[in-house]
Amino acid sequence: EPFGALDSLTRTDMQTWLEDVRAGFGWTILLITHDIREAAFLSDRVVVLAPRPTRVRREVVVDLPRPRNVELITTVRFAEVESELLAALRGAGS
């Protein structure tokens, strides 16, 4: 959880910076997080794990447009992705 200890504004700045770096270099990044908003903003797909025994509960494709900017988090589609990830974490549809 690379941004877990940061305050909200700094976290958002770092997420935006990482998105810019990823786009600039075309890198693939593996990110492990418990933050649903962070996962939705930075990911093209999210693998949601179930608790013990750990297994893949669900894979969610994040079909949000790129490049992404902070304004994206106020859109209806972003809220839908967050809702889908929350449902996957809670076990709905597993």
C-alpha atoms as a PDB file:
ATOM      1  CA  GLU A   1       0.000   0.000   0.000  1.00  0.00           C
ATOM      2  CA  PRO A   2       2.346   2.671  -1.239  1.00  0.00           C
ATOM      3  CA  PHE A   3       0.177   5.686  -0.379  1.00  0.00           C
ATOM      4  CA  GLY A   4      -1.531   4.398   2.773  1.00  0.00           C
ATOM      5  CA  ALA A   5       0.298   6.658   5.244  1.00  0.00           C
ATOM      6  CA  LEU A   6      -0.306   9.876   3.304  1.00  0.00           C
ATOM      7  CA  ASP A   7      -2.948  12.508   3.924  1.00  0.00           C
ATOM      8  CA  SER A   8      -5.768  12.692   1.381  1.00  0.00           C
ATOM      9  CA  LEU A   9      -4.427  15.596  -0.707  1.00  0.00           C
ATOM     10  CA  THR A  10      -0.889  14.221  -0.878  1.00  0.00           C
ATOM     11  CA  ARG A  11      -2.257  10.759  -1.704  1.00  0.00           C
ATOM     12  CA  THR A  12      -4.273  12.197  -4.598  1.00  0.00           C
ATOM     13  CA  ASP A  13      -1.209  14.089  -5.844  1.00  0.00           C
ATOM     14  CA  MET A  14       0.908  10.921  -5.723  1.00  0.00           C
ATOM     15  CA  GLN A  15      -1.760   8.853  -7.482  1.00  0.00           C
ATOM     16  CA  THR A  16      -1.961  11.468 -10.237  1.00  0.00           C
ATOM     17  CA  TRP A  17       1.845  11.511 -10.471  1.00  0.00           C
ATOM     18  CA  LEU A  18       1.951   7.702 -10.766  1.00  0.00           C
ATOM     19  CA  GLU A  19      -0.721   7.781 -13.470  1.00  0.00           C
ATOM     20  CA  ASP A  20       1.312  10.373 -15.403  1.00  0.00           C
ATOM     21  CA  VAL A  21       4.509   8.314 -15.078  1.00  0.00           C
ATOM     22  CA  ARG A  22       2.706   5.130 -16.153  1.00  0.00           C
ATOM     23  CA  ALA A  23       1.274   6.886 -19.193  1.00  0.00           C
ATOM     24  CA  GLY A  24       4.587   8.502 -20.088  1.00  0.00           C
ATOM     25  CA  PHE A  25       6.633   5.308 -19.978  1.00  0.00           C
ATOM     26  CA  GLY A  26       3.898   2.793 -20.875  1.00  0.00           C
ATOM     27  CA  TRP A  27       4.771   0.720 -17.821  1.00  0.00           C
ATOM     28  CA  THR A  28       2.769  -2.084 -16.317  1.00  0.00           C
ATOM     29  CA  ILE A  29       2.409  -1.553 -12.571  1.00  0.00           C
ATOM     30  CA  LEU A  30       1.305  -4.059  -9.957  1.00  0.00           C
ATOM     31  CA  LEU A  31      -0.311  -2.246  -7.036  1.00  0.00           C
ATOM     32  CA  ILE A  32      -1.580  -3.858  -3.853  1.00  0.00           C
ATOM     33  CA  THR A  33      -4.099  -1.728  -1.987  1.00  0.00           C
ATOM     34  CA  HIS A  34      -7.159  -1.812   0.241  1.00  0.00           C
ATOM     35  CA  ASP A  35      -8.288   1.571  -1.115  1.00  0.00           C
ATOM     36  CA  ILE A  36     -11.183   1.109  -3.553  1.00  0.00           C
ATOM     37  CA  ARG A  37     -10.886   4.604  -5.025  1.00  0.00           C
ATOM     38  CA  GLU A  38      -7.159   4.138  -5.580  1.00  0.00           C
ATOM     39  CA  ALA A  39      -7.736   0.795  -7.289  1.00  0.00           C
ATOM     40  CA  ALA A  40     -10.417   2.248  -9.563  1.00  0.00           C
ATOM     41  CA  PHE A  41      -8.355   5.313 -10.474  1.00  0.00           C
ATOM     42  CA  LEU A  42      -5.044   3.590 -11.194  1.00  0.00           C
ATOM     43  CA  SER A  43      -6.092   0.207 -12.574  1.00  0.00           C
ATOM     44  CA  ASP A  44      -7.194  -1.338 -15.822  1.00  0.00           C
ATOM     45  CA  ARG A  45      -8.225  -4.439 -13.935  1.00  0.00           C
ATOM     46  CA  VAL A  46      -8.575  -5.274 -10.271  1.00  0.00           C
ATOM     47  CA  VAL A  47      -8.203  -8.749  -8.821  1.00  0.00           C
ATOM     48  CA  VAL A  48     -10.296  -8.968  -5.650  1.00  0.00           C
ATOM     49  CA  LEU A  49      -9.143 -11.615  -3.195  1.00  0.00           C
ATOM     50  CA  ALA A  50     -11.334 -13.502  -0.759  1.00  0.00           C
ATOM     51  CA  PRO A  51     -10.258 -14.034   2.850  1.00  0.00           C
ATOM     52  CA  ARG A  52      -8.912 -17.303   4.175  1.00  0.00           C
ATOM     53  CA  PRO A  53      -8.268 -19.407   2.314  1.00  0.00           C
ATOM     54  CA  THR A  54      -7.096 -16.696  -0.033  1.00  0.00           C
ATOM     55  CA  ARG A  55      -8.403 -17.143  -3.548  1.00  0.00           C
ATOM     56  CA  VAL A  56      -9.446 -14.915  -6.403  1.00  0.00           C
ATOM     57  CA  ARG A  57     -12.981 -13.854  -5.659  1.00  0.00           C
ATOM     58  CA  ARG A  58     -13.457 -11.738  -8.761  1.00  0.00           C
ATOM     59  CA  GLU A  59     -11.629  -9.877 -11.489  1.00  0.00           C
ATOM     60  CA  VAL A  60     -13.097  -6.478 -12.351  1.00  0.00           C
ATOM     61  CA  VAL A  61     -12.198  -4.770 -15.609  1.00  0.00           C
ATOM     62  CA  VAL A  62     -11.923  -1.003 -15.102  1.00  0.00           C
ATOM     63  CA  ASP A  63     -13.077   0.453 -18.403  1.00  0.00           C
ATOM     64  CA  LEU A  64     -12.497   4.102 -17.581  1.00  0.00           C
ATOM     65  CA  PRO A  65     -10.934   6.335 -20.238  1.00  0.00           C
ATOM     66  CA  ARG A  66      -7.233   7.123 -20.231  1.00  0.00           C
ATOM     67  CA  PRO A  67      -5.454   9.370 -19.580  1.00  0.00           C
ATOM     68  CA  ARG A  68      -7.101   9.731 -16.186  1.00  0.00           C
ATOM     69  CA  ASN A  69      -7.212  12.891 -14.145  1.00  0.00           C
ATOM     70  CA  VAL A  70      -8.630  13.746 -10.752  1.00  0.00           C
ATOM     71  CA  GLU A  71     -11.894  15.059 -12.247  1.00  0.00           C
ATOM     72  CA  LEU A  72     -12.721  11.477 -13.248  1.00  0.00           C
ATOM     73  CA  ILE A  73     -13.542  10.554  -9.644  1.00  0.00           C
ATOM     74  CA  THR A  74     -16.674  12.741  -9.714  1.00  0.00           C
ATOM     75  CA  THR A  75     -18.225  10.958 -12.708  1.00  0.00           C
ATOM     76  CA  VAL A  76     -21.143   8.552 -12.615  1.00  0.00           C
ATOM     77  CA  ARG A  77     -19.098   5.832 -14.342  1.00  0.00           C
ATOM     78  CA  PHE A  78     -16.350   6.089 -11.710  1.00  0.00           C
ATOM     79  CA  ALA A  79     -18.960   5.686  -8.960  1.00  0.00           C
ATOM     80  CA  GLU A  80     -20.273   2.589 -10.756  1.00  0.00           C
ATOM     81  CA  VAL A  81     -16.783   1.055 -10.826  1.00  0.00           C
ATOM     82  CA  GLU A  82     -16.310   1.815  -7.116  1.00  0.00           C
ATOM     83  CA  SER A  83     -19.671   0.208  -6.382  1.00  0.00           C
ATOM     84  CA  GLU A  84     -18.743  -2.902  -8.367  1.00  0.00           C
ATOM     85  CA  LEU A  85     -15.462  -3.208  -6.475  1.00  0.00           C
ATOM     86  CA  LEU A  86     -17.180  -2.747  -3.111  1.00  0.00           C
ATOM     87  CA  ALA A  87     -19.706  -5.442  -3.987  1.00  0.00           C
ATOM     88  CA  ALA A  88     -16.866  -7.781  -4.972  1.00  0.00           C
ATOM     89  CA  LEU A  89     -15.108  -7.128  -1.656  1.00  0.00           C
ATOM     90  CA  ARG A  90     -18.282  -7.834   0.272  1.00  0.00           C
ATOM     91  CA  GLY A  91     -18.735 -11.095  -1.598  1.00  0.00           C
ATOM     92  CA  ALA A  92     -21.694 -10.216  -3.805  1.00  0.00           C
ATOM     93  CA  GLY A  93     -21.696 -12.259  -6.975  1.00  0.00           C
ATOM     94  CA  SER A  94     -18.916 -14.560  -5.794  1.00  0.00           C
END
